[in-house]
N, C-alpha and C. Protein backbone atom coordinates (compact mmCIF):
# COMPACT_ATOMS: atom_id res chain seq x y z
N MET A 1 21.07 -65.25 -65.90
CA MET A 1 22.18 -64.95 -66.42
C MET A 1 22.39 -65.69 -67.68
N PRO A 2 21.99 -65.23 -68.83
CA PRO A 2 22.03 -65.89 -70.11
C PRO A 2 23.55 -66.15 -70.52
N PHE A 3 23.85 -67.31 -71.04
CA PHE A 3 25.01 -67.76 -71.38
C PHE A 3 25.58 -66.98 -72.66
N ALA A 4 24.70 -66.44 -73.44
CA ALA A 4 25.16 -65.72 -74.63
C ALA A 4 25.95 -64.48 -74.19
N ARG A 5 25.60 -63.93 -73.08
CA ARG A 5 26.28 -62.68 -72.59
C ARG A 5 27.59 -62.97 -72.13
N LEU A 6 27.96 -64.13 -71.97
CA LEU A 6 29.36 -64.36 -71.38
C LEU A 6 30.56 -64.01 -72.38
N THR A 7 30.09 -63.81 -73.61
CA THR A 7 31.12 -63.27 -74.64
C THR A 7 31.08 -61.79 -74.73
N ASP A 8 30.23 -61.04 -73.99
CA ASP A 8 30.21 -59.60 -73.97
C ASP A 8 31.28 -59.21 -72.95
N PRO A 9 32.31 -58.31 -73.28
CA PRO A 9 33.34 -57.91 -72.54
C PRO A 9 32.72 -57.04 -71.29
N GLY A 10 31.71 -56.27 -71.65
CA GLY A 10 31.15 -55.36 -70.58
C GLY A 10 30.39 -56.26 -69.53
N TYR A 11 29.66 -57.33 -69.97
CA TYR A 11 29.06 -58.11 -69.00
C TYR A 11 30.09 -58.92 -68.17
N LEU A 12 31.15 -59.39 -68.78
CA LEU A 12 32.16 -60.05 -68.01
C LEU A 12 32.86 -59.12 -67.00
N LEU A 13 33.04 -57.90 -67.38
CA LEU A 13 33.64 -57.02 -66.43
C LEU A 13 32.67 -56.78 -65.39
N ALA A 14 31.35 -56.61 -65.56
CA ALA A 14 30.42 -56.49 -64.43
C ALA A 14 30.44 -57.69 -63.52
N LEU A 15 30.49 -58.91 -64.06
CA LEU A 15 30.73 -60.07 -63.20
C LEU A 15 31.88 -60.06 -62.48
N ALA A 16 32.97 -59.69 -63.04
CA ALA A 16 34.21 -59.68 -62.28
C ALA A 16 34.15 -58.71 -61.06
N VAL A 17 33.55 -57.56 -61.34
CA VAL A 17 33.35 -56.52 -60.26
C VAL A 17 32.48 -57.11 -59.15
N ILE A 18 31.34 -57.66 -59.51
CA ILE A 18 30.49 -58.36 -58.52
C ILE A 18 31.15 -59.34 -57.75
N PHE A 19 31.92 -60.28 -58.38
CA PHE A 19 32.56 -61.39 -57.59
C PHE A 19 33.75 -60.76 -56.79
N LEU A 20 34.31 -59.54 -57.21
CA LEU A 20 35.43 -59.08 -56.57
C LEU A 20 35.03 -58.38 -55.16
N PHE A 21 33.67 -58.06 -55.18
CA PHE A 21 33.11 -57.61 -53.94
C PHE A 21 32.38 -58.76 -53.10
N ALA A 22 31.57 -59.57 -53.79
CA ALA A 22 30.84 -60.63 -53.01
C ALA A 22 31.76 -61.60 -52.35
N LEU A 23 32.73 -62.19 -53.05
CA LEU A 23 33.49 -63.24 -52.35
C LEU A 23 34.39 -62.78 -51.20
N PRO A 24 35.02 -61.75 -51.42
CA PRO A 24 35.90 -61.30 -50.26
C PRO A 24 34.95 -60.76 -49.00
N LEU A 25 33.87 -60.16 -49.36
CA LEU A 25 32.99 -59.76 -48.19
C LEU A 25 32.44 -61.04 -47.53
N HIS A 26 32.14 -62.05 -48.22
CA HIS A 26 31.56 -63.22 -47.76
C HIS A 26 32.74 -63.95 -46.76
N GLU A 27 33.88 -63.93 -47.19
CA GLU A 27 34.87 -64.48 -46.50
C GLU A 27 35.27 -63.45 -45.20
N LEU A 28 35.24 -62.22 -45.45
CA LEU A 28 35.37 -61.25 -44.25
C LEU A 28 34.34 -61.50 -43.25
N ALA A 29 33.16 -61.77 -43.62
CA ALA A 29 32.09 -62.04 -42.56
C ALA A 29 32.47 -63.24 -41.74
N HIS A 30 32.95 -64.20 -42.26
CA HIS A 30 33.48 -65.48 -41.57
C HIS A 30 34.52 -65.02 -40.61
N ALA A 31 35.63 -64.28 -41.05
CA ALA A 31 36.67 -63.82 -40.15
C ALA A 31 36.25 -62.89 -39.08
N TRP A 32 35.41 -62.04 -39.42
CA TRP A 32 34.85 -60.99 -38.48
C TRP A 32 34.15 -61.70 -37.31
N VAL A 33 33.19 -62.69 -37.63
CA VAL A 33 32.46 -63.37 -36.63
C VAL A 33 33.43 -64.28 -35.82
N ALA A 34 34.25 -64.95 -36.45
CA ALA A 34 35.24 -65.78 -35.71
C ALA A 34 35.99 -64.95 -34.73
N GLU A 35 36.43 -63.78 -35.07
CA GLU A 35 37.19 -63.01 -34.19
C GLU A 35 36.29 -62.36 -33.04
N ARG A 36 34.93 -62.08 -33.41
CA ARG A 36 34.12 -61.66 -32.30
C ARG A 36 33.84 -62.75 -31.34
N LEU A 37 33.92 -63.98 -31.73
CA LEU A 37 33.68 -65.13 -30.92
C LEU A 37 34.96 -65.67 -30.17
N GLY A 38 36.02 -64.93 -30.31
CA GLY A 38 37.25 -65.10 -29.48
C GLY A 38 38.42 -65.87 -30.22
N ASP A 39 38.26 -66.17 -31.50
CA ASP A 39 39.33 -66.79 -32.25
C ASP A 39 40.28 -65.68 -32.93
N SER A 40 41.57 -65.62 -32.63
CA SER A 40 42.34 -64.60 -33.31
C SER A 40 43.04 -65.18 -34.54
N THR A 41 42.84 -66.39 -34.84
CA THR A 41 43.37 -67.09 -36.11
C THR A 41 43.21 -66.21 -37.29
N PRO A 42 41.96 -65.79 -37.66
CA PRO A 42 41.81 -64.92 -38.90
C PRO A 42 42.77 -63.76 -38.90
N ARG A 43 42.77 -63.13 -37.76
CA ARG A 43 43.66 -61.83 -37.79
C ARG A 43 45.05 -62.19 -37.88
N ARG A 44 45.57 -63.38 -37.35
CA ARG A 44 46.95 -63.74 -37.42
C ARG A 44 47.27 -64.02 -38.89
N TYR A 45 46.29 -64.38 -39.58
CA TYR A 45 46.48 -64.81 -41.11
C TYR A 45 46.23 -63.57 -41.93
N GLY A 46 45.85 -62.48 -41.39
CA GLY A 46 45.64 -61.28 -42.23
C GLY A 46 44.31 -61.31 -42.93
N ARG A 47 43.27 -62.06 -42.44
CA ARG A 47 42.05 -62.22 -43.10
C ARG A 47 40.86 -61.28 -42.67
N VAL A 48 41.16 -60.49 -41.62
CA VAL A 48 40.12 -59.58 -41.21
C VAL A 48 40.49 -58.21 -41.79
N THR A 49 40.24 -58.21 -43.22
CA THR A 49 40.61 -56.98 -43.94
C THR A 49 39.59 -56.99 -45.15
N LEU A 50 39.40 -55.81 -45.68
CA LEU A 50 38.67 -55.56 -46.86
C LEU A 50 39.40 -55.75 -48.13
N ASN A 51 40.74 -56.03 -48.06
CA ASN A 51 41.61 -56.29 -49.14
C ASN A 51 41.18 -57.43 -49.91
N PRO A 52 40.68 -57.45 -51.13
CA PRO A 52 40.14 -58.69 -51.83
C PRO A 52 41.29 -59.62 -52.09
N MET A 53 42.50 -59.20 -52.19
CA MET A 53 43.60 -60.13 -52.49
C MET A 53 43.85 -61.05 -51.30
N ALA A 54 43.49 -60.61 -50.10
CA ALA A 54 43.67 -61.56 -49.01
C ALA A 54 42.74 -62.75 -49.01
N HIS A 55 41.60 -62.50 -49.66
CA HIS A 55 40.52 -63.54 -49.68
C HIS A 55 40.46 -64.34 -51.03
N LEU A 56 41.16 -63.88 -52.07
CA LEU A 56 41.00 -64.59 -53.37
C LEU A 56 41.97 -65.70 -53.48
N ASP A 57 41.50 -66.85 -53.92
CA ASP A 57 42.36 -68.02 -54.07
C ASP A 57 42.83 -67.87 -55.66
N PRO A 58 44.00 -67.97 -55.94
CA PRO A 58 44.53 -67.92 -57.29
C PRO A 58 43.82 -68.89 -58.31
N ILE A 59 43.75 -70.12 -57.85
CA ILE A 59 43.12 -71.22 -58.71
C ILE A 59 41.58 -71.02 -58.80
N GLY A 60 40.98 -70.69 -57.72
CA GLY A 60 39.58 -70.41 -57.70
C GLY A 60 39.25 -69.22 -58.55
N ALA A 61 40.11 -68.23 -58.50
CA ALA A 61 39.76 -67.01 -59.39
C ALA A 61 39.97 -67.38 -60.89
N LEU A 62 41.03 -68.22 -61.24
CA LEU A 62 41.20 -68.60 -62.53
C LEU A 62 40.04 -69.56 -63.09
N MET A 63 39.69 -70.37 -62.28
CA MET A 63 38.47 -71.29 -62.53
C MET A 63 37.23 -70.43 -62.88
N LEU A 64 36.99 -69.43 -62.03
CA LEU A 64 35.96 -68.62 -62.18
C LEU A 64 35.95 -67.92 -63.62
N VAL A 65 37.18 -67.44 -64.11
CA VAL A 65 37.17 -66.86 -65.32
C VAL A 65 37.01 -67.94 -66.42
N LEU A 66 37.79 -69.08 -66.25
CA LEU A 66 37.72 -69.99 -67.29
C LEU A 66 36.46 -70.89 -67.32
N ALA A 67 35.98 -71.31 -66.22
CA ALA A 67 34.73 -72.21 -66.20
C ALA A 67 33.43 -71.52 -65.57
N GLY A 68 33.55 -70.33 -65.14
CA GLY A 68 32.34 -69.62 -64.63
C GLY A 68 32.01 -70.25 -63.27
N PHE A 69 32.85 -71.00 -62.62
CA PHE A 69 32.68 -71.52 -61.23
C PHE A 69 34.08 -71.37 -60.55
N GLY A 70 34.00 -70.75 -59.40
CA GLY A 70 35.31 -70.55 -58.69
C GLY A 70 34.98 -70.53 -57.21
N TRP A 71 36.05 -70.19 -56.38
CA TRP A 71 35.98 -70.15 -54.98
C TRP A 71 36.91 -69.14 -54.49
N ALA A 72 36.76 -68.81 -53.35
CA ALA A 72 37.58 -67.83 -52.51
C ALA A 72 38.44 -68.75 -51.59
N ARG A 73 39.38 -68.11 -50.98
CA ARG A 73 40.35 -68.75 -49.97
C ARG A 73 39.57 -68.86 -48.76
N PRO A 74 39.41 -70.16 -48.13
CA PRO A 74 38.67 -70.34 -47.06
C PRO A 74 39.38 -69.58 -45.71
N VAL A 75 38.58 -69.07 -44.77
CA VAL A 75 39.15 -68.35 -43.54
C VAL A 75 39.58 -69.43 -42.61
N PRO A 76 40.83 -69.48 -42.19
CA PRO A 76 41.25 -70.36 -41.08
C PRO A 76 40.56 -69.92 -39.81
N VAL A 77 39.93 -70.88 -39.08
CA VAL A 77 39.33 -70.75 -37.89
C VAL A 77 39.61 -72.01 -36.95
N ASN A 78 39.90 -71.66 -35.71
CA ASN A 78 40.22 -72.76 -34.81
C ASN A 78 38.99 -72.94 -33.91
N PRO A 79 38.11 -73.95 -33.94
CA PRO A 79 36.86 -74.12 -33.26
C PRO A 79 37.06 -74.11 -31.84
N LEU A 80 38.22 -74.51 -31.39
CA LEU A 80 38.45 -74.64 -29.95
C LEU A 80 38.50 -73.26 -29.24
N TYR A 81 38.83 -72.26 -29.93
CA TYR A 81 38.90 -70.91 -29.38
C TYR A 81 37.54 -70.13 -29.42
N LEU A 82 36.51 -70.76 -30.02
CA LEU A 82 35.25 -70.04 -30.21
C LEU A 82 34.41 -70.10 -28.94
N ARG A 83 33.88 -68.88 -28.56
CA ARG A 83 32.95 -68.83 -27.59
C ARG A 83 31.76 -69.67 -27.88
N TYR A 84 30.98 -70.19 -26.88
CA TYR A 84 29.76 -71.04 -27.15
C TYR A 84 30.01 -72.48 -27.64
N GLY A 85 31.35 -72.72 -27.64
CA GLY A 85 31.77 -74.16 -28.03
C GLY A 85 32.06 -74.27 -29.49
N PRO A 86 32.70 -75.36 -29.82
CA PRO A 86 33.04 -75.48 -31.29
C PRO A 86 31.98 -75.69 -32.10
N ARG A 87 30.87 -76.48 -31.67
CA ARG A 87 29.71 -76.74 -32.58
C ARG A 87 28.90 -75.48 -32.92
N VAL A 88 28.50 -74.78 -31.80
CA VAL A 88 27.72 -73.57 -32.06
C VAL A 88 28.49 -72.54 -32.62
N GLY A 89 29.80 -72.38 -32.20
CA GLY A 89 30.62 -71.34 -32.70
C GLY A 89 30.90 -71.55 -34.20
N MET A 90 31.13 -72.75 -34.72
CA MET A 90 31.46 -72.97 -36.13
C MET A 90 30.17 -72.79 -36.93
N ALA A 91 28.91 -72.97 -36.26
CA ALA A 91 27.64 -72.68 -36.94
C ALA A 91 27.55 -71.25 -37.22
N LEU A 92 27.81 -70.59 -36.17
CA LEU A 92 27.64 -69.04 -36.27
C LEU A 92 28.63 -68.49 -37.36
N VAL A 93 29.95 -69.01 -37.39
CA VAL A 93 30.96 -68.47 -38.29
C VAL A 93 30.52 -68.99 -39.67
N GLY A 94 29.98 -70.18 -39.74
CA GLY A 94 29.67 -70.72 -41.10
C GLY A 94 28.46 -69.82 -41.64
N GLY A 95 27.50 -69.53 -40.83
CA GLY A 95 26.32 -68.78 -41.33
C GLY A 95 26.62 -67.41 -41.71
N ALA A 96 27.75 -66.95 -41.28
CA ALA A 96 28.05 -65.44 -41.42
C ALA A 96 28.28 -65.02 -42.85
N GLY A 97 28.90 -65.99 -43.72
CA GLY A 97 29.23 -65.66 -45.07
C GLY A 97 27.89 -65.61 -45.89
N PRO A 98 27.07 -66.70 -45.80
CA PRO A 98 25.67 -66.61 -46.65
C PRO A 98 24.93 -65.36 -46.16
N LEU A 99 24.97 -65.14 -44.82
CA LEU A 99 24.20 -63.91 -44.39
C LEU A 99 24.78 -62.64 -44.99
N MET A 100 26.02 -62.53 -45.13
CA MET A 100 26.58 -61.40 -45.80
C MET A 100 26.13 -61.23 -47.20
N ASN A 101 26.09 -62.38 -47.90
CA ASN A 101 25.61 -62.39 -49.41
C ASN A 101 24.11 -61.95 -49.41
N LEU A 102 23.27 -62.41 -48.50
CA LEU A 102 21.88 -62.03 -48.43
C LEU A 102 21.75 -60.53 -48.10
N LEU A 103 22.56 -59.97 -47.26
CA LEU A 103 22.70 -58.49 -46.92
C LEU A 103 23.13 -57.77 -48.15
N LEU A 104 24.06 -58.25 -48.92
CA LEU A 104 24.46 -57.55 -50.22
C LEU A 104 23.39 -57.66 -51.17
N ALA A 105 22.63 -58.67 -51.33
CA ALA A 105 21.48 -58.77 -52.16
C ALA A 105 20.45 -57.69 -51.78
N GLY A 106 20.26 -57.70 -50.49
CA GLY A 106 19.30 -56.71 -50.11
C GLY A 106 19.57 -55.25 -50.30
N LEU A 107 20.91 -54.92 -50.14
CA LEU A 107 21.29 -53.67 -50.58
C LEU A 107 21.19 -53.43 -52.14
N GLY A 108 21.42 -54.47 -52.92
CA GLY A 108 21.16 -54.43 -54.26
C GLY A 108 19.68 -54.18 -54.63
N ILE A 109 18.74 -54.80 -53.94
CA ILE A 109 17.35 -54.63 -54.23
C ILE A 109 17.00 -53.09 -53.80
N ILE A 110 17.50 -52.53 -52.71
CA ILE A 110 17.22 -51.17 -52.37
C ILE A 110 17.73 -50.31 -53.39
N ALA A 111 19.00 -50.48 -53.84
CA ALA A 111 19.57 -49.69 -55.03
C ALA A 111 18.66 -49.81 -56.35
N TYR A 112 18.24 -51.10 -56.61
CA TYR A 112 17.34 -51.21 -57.79
C TYR A 112 16.11 -50.34 -57.81
N ARG A 113 15.44 -50.51 -56.54
CA ARG A 113 14.23 -49.84 -56.44
C ARG A 113 14.35 -48.36 -56.41
N THR A 114 15.48 -47.89 -55.75
CA THR A 114 15.84 -46.46 -55.76
C THR A 114 16.01 -46.02 -57.18
N ALA A 115 16.67 -46.64 -58.00
CA ALA A 115 17.05 -46.35 -59.41
C ALA A 115 15.66 -46.14 -60.10
N LEU A 116 14.93 -47.09 -59.94
CA LEU A 116 13.57 -46.99 -60.65
C LEU A 116 12.71 -45.91 -60.18
N GLU A 117 12.77 -45.53 -58.89
CA GLU A 117 12.09 -44.38 -58.42
C GLU A 117 12.57 -42.95 -58.67
N VAL A 118 13.90 -42.81 -58.70
CA VAL A 118 14.67 -41.69 -58.88
C VAL A 118 14.69 -41.15 -60.27
N TRP A 119 15.14 -42.10 -61.09
CA TRP A 119 15.33 -41.81 -62.52
C TRP A 119 13.89 -42.06 -63.32
N THR A 120 13.66 -41.07 -64.22
CA THR A 120 12.47 -41.16 -64.98
C THR A 120 12.63 -42.36 -65.92
N VAL A 121 13.77 -42.47 -66.53
CA VAL A 121 14.11 -43.51 -67.39
C VAL A 121 15.49 -44.07 -66.89
N PRO A 122 15.49 -45.19 -66.01
CA PRO A 122 16.62 -45.73 -65.47
C PRO A 122 17.49 -46.34 -66.60
N SER A 123 18.83 -46.13 -66.31
CA SER A 123 19.83 -46.77 -67.27
C SER A 123 19.74 -48.24 -67.18
N GLY A 124 19.59 -48.77 -68.46
CA GLY A 124 19.55 -50.27 -68.59
C GLY A 124 20.71 -51.00 -68.01
N ILE A 125 21.97 -50.24 -68.25
CA ILE A 125 23.09 -50.87 -67.82
C ILE A 125 23.20 -50.97 -66.26
N VAL A 126 22.65 -49.87 -65.65
CA VAL A 126 22.69 -49.95 -64.05
C VAL A 126 21.80 -50.94 -63.62
N LEU A 127 20.65 -51.07 -64.19
CA LEU A 127 19.53 -52.02 -63.83
C LEU A 127 20.03 -53.44 -64.04
N GLN A 128 20.71 -53.67 -65.25
CA GLN A 128 21.33 -55.02 -65.43
C GLN A 128 22.35 -55.41 -64.53
N PHE A 129 23.21 -54.43 -64.09
CA PHE A 129 24.30 -54.73 -63.24
C PHE A 129 23.63 -55.00 -61.83
N LEU A 130 22.77 -54.23 -61.37
CA LEU A 130 22.13 -54.45 -60.05
C LEU A 130 21.32 -55.77 -60.11
N GLY A 131 20.67 -56.13 -61.14
CA GLY A 131 20.00 -57.47 -61.26
C GLY A 131 20.96 -58.57 -61.13
N ALA A 132 22.02 -58.56 -61.80
CA ALA A 132 23.21 -59.49 -61.63
C ALA A 132 23.72 -59.55 -60.22
N TRP A 133 23.85 -58.32 -59.67
CA TRP A 133 24.32 -58.24 -58.22
C TRP A 133 23.47 -59.11 -57.38
N ILE A 134 22.23 -58.80 -57.50
CA ILE A 134 21.05 -59.45 -56.61
C ILE A 134 21.11 -60.98 -56.84
N PHE A 135 21.09 -61.44 -58.11
CA PHE A 135 21.05 -62.71 -58.50
C PHE A 135 22.23 -63.60 -58.08
N ILE A 136 23.47 -62.97 -58.22
CA ILE A 136 24.68 -63.67 -57.83
C ILE A 136 24.73 -63.76 -56.37
N ASN A 137 24.41 -62.74 -55.69
CA ASN A 137 24.53 -62.95 -54.21
C ASN A 137 23.46 -63.77 -53.53
N ILE A 138 22.35 -63.78 -54.11
CA ILE A 138 21.31 -64.76 -53.57
C ILE A 138 21.86 -66.23 -53.91
N GLY A 139 22.31 -66.34 -55.20
CA GLY A 139 22.87 -67.62 -55.62
C GLY A 139 23.94 -68.12 -54.70
N LEU A 140 24.82 -67.19 -54.33
CA LEU A 140 25.98 -67.62 -53.38
C LEU A 140 25.50 -67.98 -52.07
N ALA A 141 24.53 -67.33 -51.53
CA ALA A 141 23.98 -67.65 -50.23
C ALA A 141 23.32 -69.08 -50.22
N VAL A 142 22.51 -69.23 -51.33
CA VAL A 142 21.85 -70.55 -51.43
C VAL A 142 22.79 -71.73 -51.64
N PHE A 143 23.69 -71.52 -52.47
CA PHE A 143 24.67 -72.48 -52.89
C PHE A 143 25.52 -72.88 -51.61
N ASN A 144 26.01 -71.88 -50.88
CA ASN A 144 26.87 -72.00 -49.78
C ASN A 144 26.10 -72.72 -48.55
N MET A 145 24.79 -72.66 -48.63
CA MET A 145 24.12 -73.32 -47.52
C MET A 145 23.78 -74.75 -47.80
N ILE A 146 24.20 -75.35 -48.88
CA ILE A 146 24.11 -76.73 -49.24
C ILE A 146 24.91 -77.56 -48.02
N PRO A 147 24.31 -78.50 -47.39
CA PRO A 147 25.08 -79.06 -46.21
C PRO A 147 25.95 -80.20 -46.62
N LEU A 148 26.99 -79.83 -47.49
CA LEU A 148 28.16 -80.72 -47.88
C LEU A 148 29.42 -79.99 -47.53
N PRO A 149 30.45 -80.73 -47.06
CA PRO A 149 31.73 -80.02 -46.94
C PRO A 149 32.28 -79.81 -48.31
N PRO A 150 33.08 -78.70 -48.39
CA PRO A 150 33.49 -77.66 -47.52
C PRO A 150 32.62 -76.42 -47.39
N LEU A 151 31.38 -76.73 -47.94
CA LEU A 151 30.42 -75.53 -47.96
C LEU A 151 29.93 -75.05 -46.54
N ASP A 152 29.51 -73.82 -46.46
CA ASP A 152 29.10 -73.34 -45.11
C ASP A 152 27.93 -74.07 -44.61
N GLY A 153 27.06 -74.51 -45.37
CA GLY A 153 25.81 -75.25 -44.92
C GLY A 153 26.25 -76.54 -44.10
N TYR A 154 27.36 -76.95 -44.34
CA TYR A 154 27.88 -78.24 -43.50
C TYR A 154 28.10 -77.89 -42.07
N ARG A 155 28.54 -76.68 -41.89
CA ARG A 155 28.95 -76.22 -40.54
C ARG A 155 27.63 -75.64 -39.71
N VAL A 156 26.69 -75.18 -40.54
CA VAL A 156 25.52 -74.64 -39.88
C VAL A 156 24.62 -75.79 -39.58
């Protein structure tokens, strides 16, 4: 992701769209797994939803725009309610977000390869968007697996 492109409004719009999908789906994965493991806390807080506004942190979103680094609102989870015990349950919940980002990157790879095979001359804009989609989702998965709090890797 070249820094010179950060002044291009089209590129910034593409990044906003990517993060508007990637971050809420990452957090939704945490909420969904926590609920499947017996914790109703995410549902009580309205976090088992595709609505991106439920997952976006206002300060994290502002920092993403201003500094290129931001965060989503963490999903509330009560480890005591999780099946398989707090330690294993939190590891499963923690791993769900990065796994979602890898799934999204995989879908991006499939779309990228399909675009190359279907179109005789694929649109450069589409390929650039998909390339950024793949790069950002893999980056989010790797970054979130760093074993430091409050990142997901700390719980896994």
